[in-house]
């Protein structure tokens, strides 16, 4: 897992390039002590709007089936917090639509 700090009144944007139709983005993340906002954007449009997640109580696991190729942006949002920075531990990957065994 990768660890990042999301400062108070700030957010961290992570960009991923999806090159194959039918791909998905999968994630697992957990925050320490407090909630964190999470959302996904495709070409500037929110495809999974930012929502505050109780990732400090339970690891957040999910998958988004991409609607097309292009640049996707994952956002960890802490802009609502005036005083607290958040530690987030995450794994995010773009999953190919083709099973690994089928690729030769």
C-alpha atoms as a PDB file:
ATOM      1  CA  UNK A   1       0.000   0.000   0.000  1.00  0.00           C
ATOM      2  CA  UNK A   2       1.055   3.570  -0.672  1.00  0.00           C
ATOM      3  CA  UNK A   3       0.742   6.117   2.148  1.00  0.00           C
ATOM      4  CA  UNK A   4       0.016   9.816   1.664  1.00  0.00           C
ATOM      5  CA  UNK A   5      -0.842  12.796   3.816  1.00  0.00           C
ATOM      6  CA  UNK A   6      -3.815  14.908   2.767  1.00  0.00           C
ATOM      7  CA  UNK A   7      -3.397  18.258   4.469  1.00  0.00           C
ATOM      8  CA  UNK A   8      -6.253  20.169   6.068  1.00  0.00           C
ATOM      9  CA  UNK A   9      -8.237  22.243   3.514  1.00  0.00           C
ATOM     10  CA  UNK A  10      -6.558  20.347   0.667  1.00  0.00           C
ATOM     11  CA  UNK A  11      -6.940  17.323  -1.570  1.00  0.00           C
ATOM     12  CA  UNK A  12      -4.719  14.890  -3.434  1.00  0.00           C
ATOM     13  CA  UNK A  13      -5.436  14.049  -7.077  1.00  0.00           C
ATOM     14  CA  UNK A  14      -4.062  10.829  -8.588  1.00  0.00           C
ATOM     15  CA  UNK A  15      -4.218  10.390 -12.374  1.00  0.00           C
ATOM     16  CA  UNK A  16      -4.586   7.099 -14.214  1.00  0.00           C
ATOM     17  CA  UNK A  17      -4.630   6.523 -17.969  1.00  0.00           C
ATOM     18  CA  UNK A  18      -7.135   3.897 -19.133  1.00  0.00           C
ATOM     19  CA  UNK A  19      -6.043   2.530 -22.515  1.00  0.00           C
ATOM     20  CA  UNK A  20      -8.475  -0.353 -23.113  1.00  0.00           C
ATOM     21  CA  UNK A  21     -12.261  -0.329 -23.479  1.00  0.00           C
ATOM     22  CA  UNK A  22     -13.931  -2.367 -20.735  1.00  0.00           C
ATOM     23  CA  UNK A  23     -11.246  -1.670 -18.122  1.00  0.00           C
ATOM     24  CA  UNK A  24     -12.057  -1.033 -14.475  1.00  0.00           C
ATOM     25  CA  UNK A  25     -10.420   0.905 -11.661  1.00  0.00           C
ATOM     26  CA  UNK A  26     -10.208  -0.964  -8.362  1.00  0.00           C
ATOM     27  CA  UNK A  27      -9.298   0.479  -4.986  1.00  0.00           C
ATOM     28  CA  UNK A  28      -8.636  -0.321  -1.362  1.00  0.00           C
ATOM     29  CA  UNK A  29      -7.963   2.448   1.126  1.00  0.00           C
ATOM     30  CA  UNK A  30      -8.001   3.218   4.811  1.00  0.00           C
ATOM     31  CA  UNK A  31      -7.488   6.464   6.701  1.00  0.00           C
ATOM     32  CA  UNK A  32      -6.147   6.929  10.203  1.00  0.00           C
ATOM     33  CA  UNK A  33      -8.425   8.334  12.926  1.00  0.00           C
ATOM     34  CA  UNK A  34     -10.805  10.376  10.709  1.00  0.00           C
ATOM     35  CA  UNK A  35     -12.937  10.196   7.541  1.00  0.00           C
ATOM     36  CA  UNK A  36     -11.774  11.256   4.055  1.00  0.00           C
ATOM     37  CA  UNK A  37     -13.589  12.332   0.891  1.00  0.00           C
ATOM     38  CA  UNK A  38     -13.227  10.071  -2.172  1.00  0.00           C
ATOM     39  CA  UNK A  39     -14.339  10.482  -5.777  1.00  0.00           C
ATOM     40  CA  UNK A  40     -13.510   9.641  -9.393  1.00  0.00           C
ATOM     41  CA  UNK A  41     -13.484  11.983 -12.405  1.00  0.00           C
ATOM     42  CA  UNK A  42     -13.209  11.166 -16.118  1.00  0.00           C
ATOM     43  CA  UNK A  43     -12.068  13.970 -18.397  1.00  0.00           C
ATOM     44  CA  UNK A  44     -13.141  16.505 -15.737  1.00  0.00           C
ATOM     45  CA  UNK A  45     -16.618  15.040 -15.136  1.00  0.00           C
ATOM     46  CA  UNK A  46     -17.499  13.407 -11.802  1.00  0.00           C
ATOM     47  CA  UNK A  47     -18.374   9.780 -12.532  1.00  0.00           C
ATOM     48  CA  UNK A  48     -18.294   8.914  -8.825  1.00  0.00           C
ATOM     49  CA  UNK A  49     -18.982  12.172  -6.948  1.00  0.00           C
ATOM     50  CA  UNK A  50     -16.871  12.934  -3.893  1.00  0.00           C
ATOM     51  CA  UNK A  51     -18.373  11.506  -0.711  1.00  0.00           C
ATOM     52  CA  UNK A  52     -17.005  11.434   2.799  1.00  0.00           C
ATOM     53  CA  UNK A  53     -16.067   7.869   3.674  1.00  0.00           C
ATOM     54  CA  UNK A  54     -15.646   6.409   7.163  1.00  0.00           C
ATOM     55  CA  UNK A  55     -12.382   4.830   6.054  1.00  0.00           C
ATOM     56  CA  UNK A  56     -10.970   5.095   9.569  1.00  0.00           C
ATOM     57  CA  UNK A  57     -13.557   2.563  10.794  1.00  0.00           C
ATOM     58  CA  UNK A  58     -13.555   0.180   7.834  1.00  0.00           C
ATOM     59  CA  UNK A  59     -11.269  -0.356   4.834  1.00  0.00           C
ATOM     60  CA  UNK A  60     -12.981   0.923   1.687  1.00  0.00           C
ATOM     61  CA  UNK A  61     -12.903  -1.568  -1.194  1.00  0.00           C
ATOM     62  CA  UNK A  62     -14.514  -0.987  -4.562  1.00  0.00           C
ATOM     63  CA  UNK A  63     -14.400  -1.065  -8.328  1.00  0.00           C
ATOM     64  CA  UNK A  64     -15.582   1.320 -11.023  1.00  0.00           C
ATOM     65  CA  UNK A  65     -16.247  -0.023 -14.530  1.00  0.00           C
ATOM     66  CA  UNK A  66     -14.792   2.650 -16.801  1.00  0.00           C
ATOM     67  CA  UNK A  67     -17.136   4.160 -19.370  1.00  0.00           C
ATOM     68  CA  UNK A  68     -14.377   4.674 -21.900  1.00  0.00           C
ATOM     69  CA  UNK A  69     -10.692   5.170 -22.430  1.00  0.00           C
ATOM     70  CA  UNK A  70      -8.911   8.314 -21.302  1.00  0.00           C
ATOM     71  CA  UNK A  71      -7.632  10.002 -18.183  1.00  0.00           C
ATOM     72  CA  UNK A  72      -9.268   9.235 -14.849  1.00  0.00           C
ATOM     73  CA  UNK A  73      -8.571  11.198 -11.689  1.00  0.00           C
ATOM     74  CA  UNK A  74      -8.996   9.712  -8.217  1.00  0.00           C
ATOM     75  CA  UNK A  75      -9.466  12.346  -5.518  1.00  0.00           C
ATOM     76  CA  UNK A  76      -8.845  12.085  -1.793  1.00  0.00           C
ATOM     77  CA  UNK A  77     -10.556  15.223  -0.479  1.00  0.00           C
ATOM     78  CA  UNK A  78      -9.923  16.820   2.903  1.00  0.00           C
ATOM     79  CA  UNK A  79     -11.002  20.354   1.947  1.00  0.00           C
ATOM     80  CA  UNK A  80     -13.804  20.285   4.532  1.00  0.00           C
ATOM     81  CA  UNK A  81     -11.361  19.844   7.447  1.00  0.00           C
ATOM     82  CA  UNK A  82     -10.049  23.122   8.832  1.00  0.00           C
ATOM     83  CA  UNK A  83      -7.481  21.681  11.242  1.00  0.00           C
ATOM     84  CA  UNK A  84      -6.773  17.994  10.681  1.00  0.00           C
ATOM     85  CA  UNK A  85      -4.492  16.437   8.110  1.00  0.00           C
ATOM     86  CA  UNK A  86      -5.332  12.835   7.214  1.00  0.00           C
ATOM     87  CA  UNK A  87      -3.063   9.840   6.599  1.00  0.00           C
ATOM     88  CA  UNK A  88      -4.416   7.609   3.842  1.00  0.00           C
ATOM     89  CA  UNK A  89      -3.061   4.178   2.879  1.00  0.00           C
ATOM     90  CA  UNK A  90      -4.225   3.010  -0.549  1.00  0.00           C
ATOM     91  CA  UNK A  91      -3.845   0.622  -3.456  1.00  0.00           C
ATOM     92  CA  UNK A  92      -5.408   1.660  -6.775  1.00  0.00           C
ATOM     93  CA  UNK A  93      -5.041  -0.126 -10.093  1.00  0.00           C
ATOM     94  CA  UNK A  94      -6.459  -0.148 -13.584  1.00  0.00           C
ATOM     95  CA  UNK A  95      -7.730  -3.660 -14.311  1.00  0.00           C
ATOM     96  CA  UNK A  96      -7.662  -4.915 -17.892  1.00  0.00           C
ATOM     97  CA  UNK A  97     -10.858  -6.445 -19.317  1.00  0.00           C
ATOM     98  CA  UNK A  98      -8.845  -9.437 -20.482  1.00  0.00           C
ATOM     99  CA  UNK A  99      -7.933 -12.223 -18.036  1.00  0.00           C
ATOM    100  CA  UNK A 100      -4.163 -12.623 -17.686  1.00  0.00           C
ATOM    101  CA  UNK A 101      -4.365 -16.268 -18.850  1.00  0.00           C
ATOM    102  CA  UNK A 102      -5.926 -15.168 -22.148  1.00  0.00           C
ATOM    103  CA  UNK A 103      -3.018 -12.865 -23.032  1.00  0.00           C
ATOM    104  CA  UNK A 104      -0.262 -14.650 -24.978  1.00  0.00           C
END
